[in-house]
Amino acid sequence: MKYVARSGLPSDRGARSRPFIEYVARSGSSSEHGPSSEHVARSGPYRRYDVLAKWQSVSFDDLTRDVLRRRLTALPPRRFLTQAEWDLLEAIVARLLPQPHDARPVPITPWIDEMLHANRGEGFRHADMPSMRDAWRHGLAAIDGEACARHRRRCTELDSDRQDDVLRAVQRGDVDGERWKELPASRFFVHVLLKTAAGIHYSHPDAWSDIGFGGPASPRGYVRLGFDERDPWEAREER
């Protein structure tokens, strides 16, 4: 299933959170050497790369380490979405950004819920879109409505192929116009749902390691910016 995404970042400021137990296994986030993701199963050209191995290097400063520590060891609890909306969003995200079954999944839904709870948007919205919170509530309900109309089951009850069928229809705008009259389906899919989910996914260090990304440019920076050039401290692709 192919989707095109643009990335963004979840907020790390002022979020009340609870421990994310799975990440405690990372050699302890408060240890001298920092977290580790060595036990995470990987495949692909950067399968041996772990961005967190740079924890005590000049690539990360104290501010970066503090942001990453919170991102790795704490998840905000559910405070905005209903349980049914949460479960639906989990199912949708699993199809938009499928993750290997043998690896720890990057959490996405909790950070979307945290964003909605804080009512923290991008500072603008399209003229033909409702407010951010209303757009998410309406969009999730409309996706579930499409699933029921097409397959006579809730989206969470469908197999992956039928879930993909529903999501592709929303992406194309091939939907019930009455159900989506307050919210353009394709715009919601691309500019709200997919953009947000992909942005959160690729703000996580596990995703950085998967794609060979070395982390923020500050403080060390990147020097060799030409085509097919790499700095010595960047990931090396295995062919």
Protein backbone atom coordinates (compact mmCIF):
# COMPACT_ATOMS: atom_id res chain seq x y z
CA MET A 1 0.00 0.00 0.00
CA LYS A 2 1.65 3.25 -1.12
CA TYR A 3 1.08 6.63 0.47
CA VAL A 4 3.05 9.85 0.20
CA ALA A 5 3.74 11.62 3.49
CA ARG A 6 5.25 14.87 4.75
CA SER A 7 6.82 14.85 8.17
CA GLY A 8 6.37 16.93 11.33
CA LEU A 9 7.21 16.58 15.01
CA PRO A 10 5.27 15.85 18.18
CA SER A 11 5.66 18.33 21.00
CA ASP A 12 7.92 17.48 23.92
CA ARG A 13 7.00 20.52 25.96
CA GLY A 14 5.05 20.30 29.17
CA ALA A 15 3.31 16.99 28.51
CA ARG A 16 2.29 15.11 31.62
CA SER A 17 3.19 11.51 31.02
CA ARG A 18 3.36 8.03 32.45
CA PRO A 19 6.21 5.54 32.22
CA PHE A 20 6.44 3.51 29.03
CA ILE A 21 7.58 0.22 30.51
CA GLU A 22 8.85 -1.35 27.30
CA TYR A 23 11.58 1.25 27.00
CA VAL A 24 13.01 0.61 30.45
CA ALA A 25 14.78 -2.37 28.87
CA ARG A 26 17.00 0.03 26.95
CA SER A 27 19.85 -0.32 29.47
CA GLY A 28 18.11 2.33 31.58
CA SER A 29 17.52 5.79 30.19
CA SER A 30 19.39 7.39 33.08
CA SER A 31 22.49 5.25 32.71
CA GLU A 32 25.92 6.73 32.03
CA HIS A 33 25.87 5.55 28.45
CA GLY A 34 22.26 6.42 27.73
CA PRO A 35 19.51 4.30 26.13
CA SER A 36 20.23 1.53 23.69
CA SER A 37 18.13 -0.06 20.98
CA GLU A 38 20.45 -2.97 20.24
CA HIS A 39 17.79 -5.54 21.11
CA VAL A 40 15.37 -4.15 18.51
CA ALA A 41 15.14 -6.42 15.47
CA ARG A 42 15.88 -4.59 12.23
CA SER A 43 16.18 -5.29 8.54
CA GLY A 44 17.21 -3.20 5.58
CA PRO A 45 20.35 -1.28 4.68
CA TYR A 46 20.82 0.25 8.15
CA ARG A 47 20.07 -2.84 10.23
CA ARG A 48 23.30 -2.50 12.24
CA TYR A 49 22.90 1.22 12.89
CA ASP A 50 21.72 2.60 16.24
CA VAL A 51 21.49 6.38 16.44
CA LEU A 52 21.41 6.14 20.24
CA ALA A 53 24.97 4.82 20.24
CA LYS A 54 25.85 8.51 19.78
CA TRP A 55 24.26 9.36 23.14
CA GLN A 56 27.47 10.58 24.79
CA SER A 57 29.09 11.88 21.60
CA VAL A 58 29.30 15.49 20.46
CA SER A 59 26.37 14.82 18.13
CA PHE A 60 23.97 15.20 21.07
CA ASP A 61 23.92 17.96 23.67
CA ASP A 62 22.07 17.99 26.99
CA LEU A 63 18.94 19.53 25.48
CA THR A 64 18.78 16.87 22.76
CA ARG A 65 19.35 14.09 25.28
CA ASP A 66 16.59 15.44 27.52
CA VAL A 67 14.08 15.59 24.64
CA LEU A 68 14.98 12.07 23.48
CA ARG A 69 14.86 10.67 27.00
CA ARG A 70 11.28 11.88 27.42
CA ARG A 71 10.36 10.66 23.96
CA LEU A 72 11.73 7.18 24.75
CA THR A 73 10.65 6.65 28.34
CA ALA A 74 7.25 8.30 28.66
CA LEU A 75 3.95 8.19 26.83
CA PRO A 76 1.04 10.52 27.52
CA PRO A 77 -2.12 8.73 28.68
CA ARG A 78 -5.39 8.83 26.75
CA ARG A 79 -7.12 12.11 27.60
CA PHE A 80 -8.99 13.27 24.49
CA LEU A 81 -10.04 10.38 22.28
CA THR A 82 -12.68 7.91 23.40
CA GLN A 83 -11.53 4.32 23.71
CA ALA A 84 -13.34 3.48 20.47
CA GLU A 85 -11.67 6.40 18.64
CA TRP A 86 -8.29 5.36 20.06
CA ASP A 87 -8.72 1.76 18.89
CA LEU A 88 -9.84 2.93 15.44
CA LEU A 89 -6.87 5.26 15.10
CA GLU A 90 -4.50 2.46 16.16
CA ALA A 91 -5.94 0.26 13.40
CA ILE A 92 -5.62 3.03 10.81
CA VAL A 93 -2.06 3.90 11.77
CA ALA A 94 -1.09 0.23 11.54
CA ARG A 95 -2.10 0.29 7.86
CA LEU A 96 -0.61 3.70 7.02
CA LEU A 97 2.72 2.94 8.64
CA PRO A 98 3.05 -0.84 8.98
CA GLN A 99 5.81 -1.85 11.37
CA PRO A 100 7.65 -5.18 11.57
CA HIS A 101 5.99 -7.73 13.82
CA ASP A 102 9.33 -8.67 15.38
CA ALA A 103 10.22 -5.13 16.42
CA ARG A 104 8.86 -2.82 19.09
CA PRO A 105 6.39 -0.49 17.32
CA VAL A 106 6.93 3.25 17.39
CA PRO A 107 4.00 4.73 19.37
CA ILE A 108 1.90 7.16 17.34
CA THR A 109 -1.67 7.26 18.67
CA PRO A 110 -0.70 8.48 22.19
CA TRP A 111 1.06 11.52 20.74
CA ILE A 112 -1.88 12.38 18.49
CA ASP A 113 -4.16 12.18 21.52
CA GLU A 114 -1.75 14.41 23.48
CA MET A 115 -1.76 16.96 20.65
CA LEU A 116 -5.56 16.99 20.59
CA HIS A 117 -5.82 17.21 24.37
CA ALA A 118 -3.53 20.26 24.36
CA ASN A 119 -5.35 21.64 21.28
CA ARG A 120 -1.95 22.33 19.77
CA GLY A 121 -2.14 22.70 16.01
CA GLU A 122 0.07 24.14 13.28
CA GLY A 123 -1.21 27.67 13.75
CA PHE A 124 -3.41 27.63 10.65
CA ARG A 125 -6.13 25.60 9.00
CA HIS A 126 -7.56 25.33 5.50
CA ALA A 127 -10.63 27.47 4.87
CA ASP A 128 -12.73 24.44 3.97
CA MET A 129 -11.76 22.51 7.12
CA PRO A 130 -13.28 22.60 10.60
CA SER A 131 -11.17 23.17 13.70
CA MET A 132 -8.44 20.62 14.40
CA ARG A 133 -10.30 18.74 17.13
CA ASP A 134 -13.53 18.68 15.13
CA ALA A 135 -11.66 17.53 12.02
CA TRP A 136 -10.16 14.53 13.84
CA ARG A 137 -13.44 13.55 15.48
CA HIS A 138 -15.40 13.92 12.28
CA GLY A 139 -12.73 12.26 10.13
CA LEU A 140 -12.40 9.17 12.32
CA ALA A 141 -16.18 8.77 12.53
CA ALA A 142 -16.50 9.18 8.75
CA ILE A 143 -13.81 6.56 8.06
CA ASP A 144 -15.69 4.14 10.32
CA GLY A 145 -18.89 5.05 8.49
CA GLU A 146 -17.28 4.26 5.14
CA ALA A 147 -16.19 0.86 6.48
CA CYS A 148 -19.72 0.07 7.62
CA ALA A 149 -21.24 1.23 4.34
CA ARG A 150 -18.82 -0.78 2.19
CA HIS A 151 -18.29 -3.89 4.28
CA ARG A 152 -21.03 -3.80 6.93
CA ARG A 153 -18.48 -3.89 9.73
CA ARG A 154 -16.59 -1.39 11.83
CA CYS A 155 -13.13 -0.59 10.52
CA THR A 156 -11.46 -2.29 13.49
CA GLU A 157 -13.31 -5.51 12.63
CA LEU A 158 -12.08 -5.67 9.03
CA ASP A 159 -9.07 -7.58 7.77
CA SER A 160 -6.12 -5.58 6.46
CA ASP A 161 -7.14 -5.77 2.79
CA ARG A 162 -10.58 -4.32 3.49
CA GLN A 163 -9.12 -1.66 5.76
CA ASP A 164 -6.81 -0.68 2.89
CA ASP A 165 -9.81 -0.55 0.57
CA VAL A 166 -11.53 1.94 2.87
CA LEU A 167 -8.42 4.08 3.31
CA ARG A 168 -7.70 4.19 -0.42
CA ALA A 169 -11.26 5.37 -1.05
CA VAL A 170 -10.83 8.16 1.50
CA GLN A 171 -7.47 9.09 -0.02
CA ARG A 172 -9.07 9.38 -3.48
CA GLY A 173 -12.12 11.18 -2.18
CA ASP A 174 -14.30 8.34 -3.45
CA VAL A 175 -16.67 8.58 -0.48
CA ASP A 176 -20.22 9.34 0.57
CA GLY A 177 -20.53 13.08 -0.03
CA GLU A 178 -23.17 13.52 2.64
CA ARG A 179 -20.98 11.85 5.26
CA TRP A 180 -18.02 14.08 4.36
CA LYS A 181 -19.84 17.34 3.59
CA GLU A 182 -18.19 19.13 6.53
CA LEU A 183 -14.71 17.76 5.81
CA PRO A 184 -12.96 17.12 2.44
CA ALA A 185 -12.00 13.46 2.64
CA SER A 186 -8.80 13.59 0.60
CA ARG A 187 -7.53 16.70 2.37
CA PHE A 188 -8.18 15.14 5.76
CA PHE A 189 -6.40 11.96 4.72
CA VAL A 190 -3.26 13.63 3.34
CA HIS A 191 -2.89 16.86 5.31
CA VAL A 192 -4.22 15.78 8.70
CA LEU A 193 -4.18 12.03 9.22
CA LEU A 194 -1.19 10.87 7.18
CA LYS A 195 0.98 13.96 7.67
CA THR A 196 0.57 13.84 11.45
CA ALA A 197 1.08 10.10 11.80
CA ALA A 198 4.18 10.08 9.59
CA GLY A 199 5.64 13.10 11.37
CA ILE A 200 5.30 11.45 14.76
CA HIS A 201 6.71 8.16 13.51
CA TYR A 202 9.81 9.76 12.04
CA SER A 203 10.47 11.88 15.12
CA HIS A 204 11.28 8.69 17.07
CA PRO A 205 14.90 7.45 17.36
CA ASP A 206 13.92 3.91 16.34
CA ALA A 207 12.69 5.32 13.02
CA TRP A 208 15.87 7.38 12.71
CA SER A 209 17.92 4.20 13.03
CA ASP A 210 15.74 2.45 10.44
CA ILE A 211 16.45 5.11 7.80
CA GLY A 212 20.03 5.87 8.82
CA PHE A 213 19.27 9.39 10.08
CA GLY A 214 21.87 10.77 12.48
CA GLY A 215 19.58 13.04 14.47
CA PRO A 216 19.38 16.85 14.79
CA ALA A 217 21.96 18.95 12.97
CA SER A 218 22.73 20.76 16.22
CA PRO A 219 25.22 20.75 17.86
CA ARG A 220 27.62 18.83 15.61
CA GLY A 221 26.02 19.51 12.27
CA TYR A 222 26.52 17.94 8.86
CA VAL A 223 29.42 18.99 6.66
CA ARG A 224 29.38 16.86 3.50
CA LEU A 225 26.08 17.76 1.86
CA GLY A 226 26.76 16.79 -1.75
CA PHE A 227 25.19 13.89 -3.62
CA ASP A 228 26.39 10.50 -2.39
CA GLU A 229 28.57 12.07 0.32
CA ARG A 230 28.51 11.26 4.03
CA ASP A 231 30.25 12.43 7.16
CA PRO A 232 32.28 9.82 9.09
CA TRP A 233 29.76 9.95 11.96
CA GLU A 234 26.77 9.21 9.71
CA ALA A 235 25.25 5.77 9.12
CA ARG A 236 26.81 3.61 6.45
CA GLU A 237 24.45 1.78 4.12
CA GLU A 238 24.94 -1.97 3.87
CA ARG A 239 24.30 -3.29 0.38
